[in-house]
Amino acid sequence: MTYQGIKDVKNAPQRLDAAATAAESTGGKMTIYYTTGDYDYIAISEWPTEEIAASAALKIFSAGNVKGSALRAFSTNEFKETVKRIP
């Protein structure tokens, strides 16, 4: 969370719900976990396209309550297919 986000932490649950609802409105799914340690939240999400995923992340980060990074995860089957393509 950013300083702005922690300053308004009492409204964080509503912001998390709003993010999940916004994901659904674009065809995505998002499950958010509150964590301890280096990260305050971890969101696991699925999106119709990577462009929609990037747009959603930018929208969430631009509100200023959280900062973050995104990474692409590959399913086991996707990984297997990727390895098969190695010349």
C-alpha atoms as a PDB file:
ATOM      1  CA  MET A   1       0.000   0.000   0.000  1.00  0.00           C
ATOM      2  CA  THR A   2       1.097   3.536  -0.560  1.00  0.00           C
ATOM      3  CA  TYR A   3       1.018   6.235   2.087  1.00  0.00           C
ATOM      4  CA  GLN A   4      -2.278   7.384   0.584  1.00  0.00           C
ATOM      5  CA  GLY A   5      -3.662   3.839   0.767  1.00  0.00           C
ATOM      6  CA  ILE A   6      -2.681   3.223   4.393  1.00  0.00           C
ATOM      7  CA  LYS A   7      -3.994   6.634   5.390  1.00  0.00           C
ATOM      8  CA  ASP A   8      -7.432   5.499   4.188  1.00  0.00           C
ATOM      9  CA  VAL A   9      -7.055   1.816   5.144  1.00  0.00           C
ATOM     10  CA  LYS A  10     -10.584   1.604   6.564  1.00  0.00           C
ATOM     11  CA  ASN A  11     -11.905   1.899   3.014  1.00  0.00           C
ATOM     12  CA  ALA A  12      -9.469  -0.687   1.622  1.00  0.00           C
ATOM     13  CA  PRO A  13     -11.988  -3.578   1.752  1.00  0.00           C
ATOM     14  CA  GLN A  14     -14.403  -1.595  -0.419  1.00  0.00           C
ATOM     15  CA  ARG A  15     -11.601  -0.745  -2.849  1.00  0.00           C
ATOM     16  CA  LEU A  16     -10.680  -4.427  -3.105  1.00  0.00           C
ATOM     17  CA  ASP A  17     -14.301  -5.340  -3.824  1.00  0.00           C
ATOM     18  CA  ALA A  18     -14.498  -2.575  -6.440  1.00  0.00           C
ATOM     19  CA  ALA A  19     -11.351  -3.875  -8.155  1.00  0.00           C
ATOM     20  CA  ALA A  20     -12.789  -7.401  -8.333  1.00  0.00           C
ATOM     21  CA  THR A  21     -16.099  -6.063  -9.674  1.00  0.00           C
ATOM     22  CA  ALA A  22     -14.275  -3.945 -12.270  1.00  0.00           C
ATOM     23  CA  ALA A  23     -12.361  -7.031 -13.392  1.00  0.00           C
ATOM     24  CA  GLU A  24     -15.606  -8.916 -13.919  1.00  0.00           C
ATOM     25  CA  SER A  25     -17.029  -6.038 -15.981  1.00  0.00           C
ATOM     26  CA  THR A  26     -14.173  -6.464 -18.489  1.00  0.00           C
ATOM     27  CA  GLY A  27     -14.475 -10.247 -18.655  1.00  0.00           C
ATOM     28  CA  GLY A  28     -11.747 -10.875 -16.100  1.00  0.00           C
ATOM     29  CA  LYS A  29     -11.633 -12.645 -12.772  1.00  0.00           C
ATOM     30  CA  MET A  30      -9.663 -11.435  -9.777  1.00  0.00           C
ATOM     31  CA  THR A  31      -9.074 -12.949  -6.367  1.00  0.00           C
ATOM     32  CA  ILE A  32      -7.225 -10.723  -3.927  1.00  0.00           C
ATOM     33  CA  TYR A  33      -5.370 -11.874  -0.825  1.00  0.00           C
ATOM     34  CA  TYR A  34      -4.111  -9.682   2.012  1.00  0.00           C
ATOM     35  CA  THR A  35      -0.598 -10.815   2.893  1.00  0.00           C
ATOM     36  CA  THR A  36       2.078 -10.069   5.444  1.00  0.00           C
ATOM     37  CA  GLY A  37       5.700  -9.454   4.621  1.00  0.00           C
ATOM     38  CA  ASP A  38       7.035  -7.611   1.594  1.00  0.00           C
ATOM     39  CA  TYR A  39       3.652  -7.345  -0.139  1.00  0.00           C
ATOM     40  CA  ASP A  40       0.366  -6.096   1.277  1.00  0.00           C
ATOM     41  CA  TYR A  41      -1.812  -7.776  -1.336  1.00  0.00           C
ATOM     42  CA  ILE A  42      -1.501 -10.404  -3.991  1.00  0.00           C
ATOM     43  CA  ALA A  43      -4.099 -10.482  -6.741  1.00  0.00           C
ATOM     44  CA  ILE A  44      -4.483 -13.565  -8.883  1.00  0.00           C
ATOM     45  CA  SER A  45      -6.364 -12.693 -12.014  1.00  0.00           C
ATOM     46  CA  GLU A  46      -7.359 -13.988 -15.416  1.00  0.00           C
ATOM     47  CA  TRP A  47      -8.150 -11.729 -18.357  1.00  0.00           C
ATOM     48  CA  PRO A  48      -9.465 -12.191 -21.886  1.00  0.00           C
ATOM     49  CA  THR A  49      -6.303 -10.573 -23.301  1.00  0.00           C
ATOM     50  CA  GLU A  50      -2.976  -9.321 -21.994  1.00  0.00           C
ATOM     51  CA  GLU A  51      -3.909  -5.814 -23.181  1.00  0.00           C
ATOM     52  CA  ILE A  52      -6.999  -5.818 -20.949  1.00  0.00           C
ATOM     53  CA  ALA A  53      -4.844  -7.074 -18.070  1.00  0.00           C
ATOM     54  CA  ALA A  54      -2.349  -4.243 -18.569  1.00  0.00           C
ATOM     55  CA  SER A  55      -5.115  -1.654 -18.792  1.00  0.00           C
ATOM     56  CA  ALA A  56      -6.715  -2.946 -15.583  1.00  0.00           C
ATOM     57  CA  ALA A  57      -3.398  -2.853 -13.733  1.00  0.00           C
ATOM     58  CA  LEU A  58      -2.750   0.711 -14.863  1.00  0.00           C
ATOM     59  CA  LYS A  59      -6.228   1.773 -13.741  1.00  0.00           C
ATOM     60  CA  ILE A  60      -5.745   0.223 -10.294  1.00  0.00           C
ATOM     61  CA  PHE A  61      -2.236   1.648  -9.847  1.00  0.00           C
ATOM     62  CA  SER A  62      -3.265   5.109 -11.078  1.00  0.00           C
ATOM     63  CA  ALA A  63      -5.718   5.512  -8.172  1.00  0.00           C
ATOM     64  CA  GLY A  64      -2.634   5.918  -5.973  1.00  0.00           C
ATOM     65  CA  ASN A  65      -3.652   3.564  -3.148  1.00  0.00           C
ATOM     66  CA  VAL A  66      -1.370   0.707  -4.125  1.00  0.00           C
ATOM     67  CA  LYS A  67       1.780   0.309  -6.113  1.00  0.00           C
ATOM     68  CA  GLY A  68       2.687  -2.921  -7.645  1.00  0.00           C
ATOM     69  CA  SER A  69       4.118  -5.032 -10.320  1.00  0.00           C
ATOM     70  CA  ALA A  70       2.527  -7.550 -12.562  1.00  0.00           C
ATOM     71  CA  LEU A  71       3.876 -10.808 -13.841  1.00  0.00           C
ATOM     72  CA  ARG A  72       2.610 -13.310 -16.343  1.00  0.00           C
ATOM     73  CA  ALA A  73       2.162 -16.839 -15.073  1.00  0.00           C
ATOM     74  CA  PHE A  74       2.043 -19.853 -17.343  1.00  0.00           C
ATOM     75  CA  SER A  75      -0.011 -22.953 -16.632  1.00  0.00           C
ATOM     76  CA  THR A  76       1.786 -26.279 -16.594  1.00  0.00           C
ATOM     77  CA  ASN A  77       0.389 -27.082 -20.039  1.00  0.00           C
ATOM     78  CA  GLU A  78       1.468 -23.705 -21.437  1.00  0.00           C
ATOM     79  CA  PHE A  79       4.945 -24.285 -20.024  1.00  0.00           C
ATOM     80  CA  LYS A  80       5.109 -27.750 -21.594  1.00  0.00           C
ATOM     81  CA  GLU A  81       4.138 -26.311 -24.983  1.00  0.00           C
ATOM     82  CA  THR A  82       6.747 -23.573 -24.645  1.00  0.00           C
ATOM     83  CA  VAL A  83       9.466 -26.108 -23.857  1.00  0.00           C
ATOM     84  CA  LYS A  84       8.456 -28.175 -26.904  1.00  0.00           C
ATOM     85  CA  ARG A  85       9.225 -25.132 -29.095  1.00  0.00           C
ATOM     86  CA  ILE A  86      12.868 -24.979 -28.030  1.00  0.00           C
ATOM     87  CA  PRO A  87      14.958 -25.782 -31.136  1.00  0.00           C
END
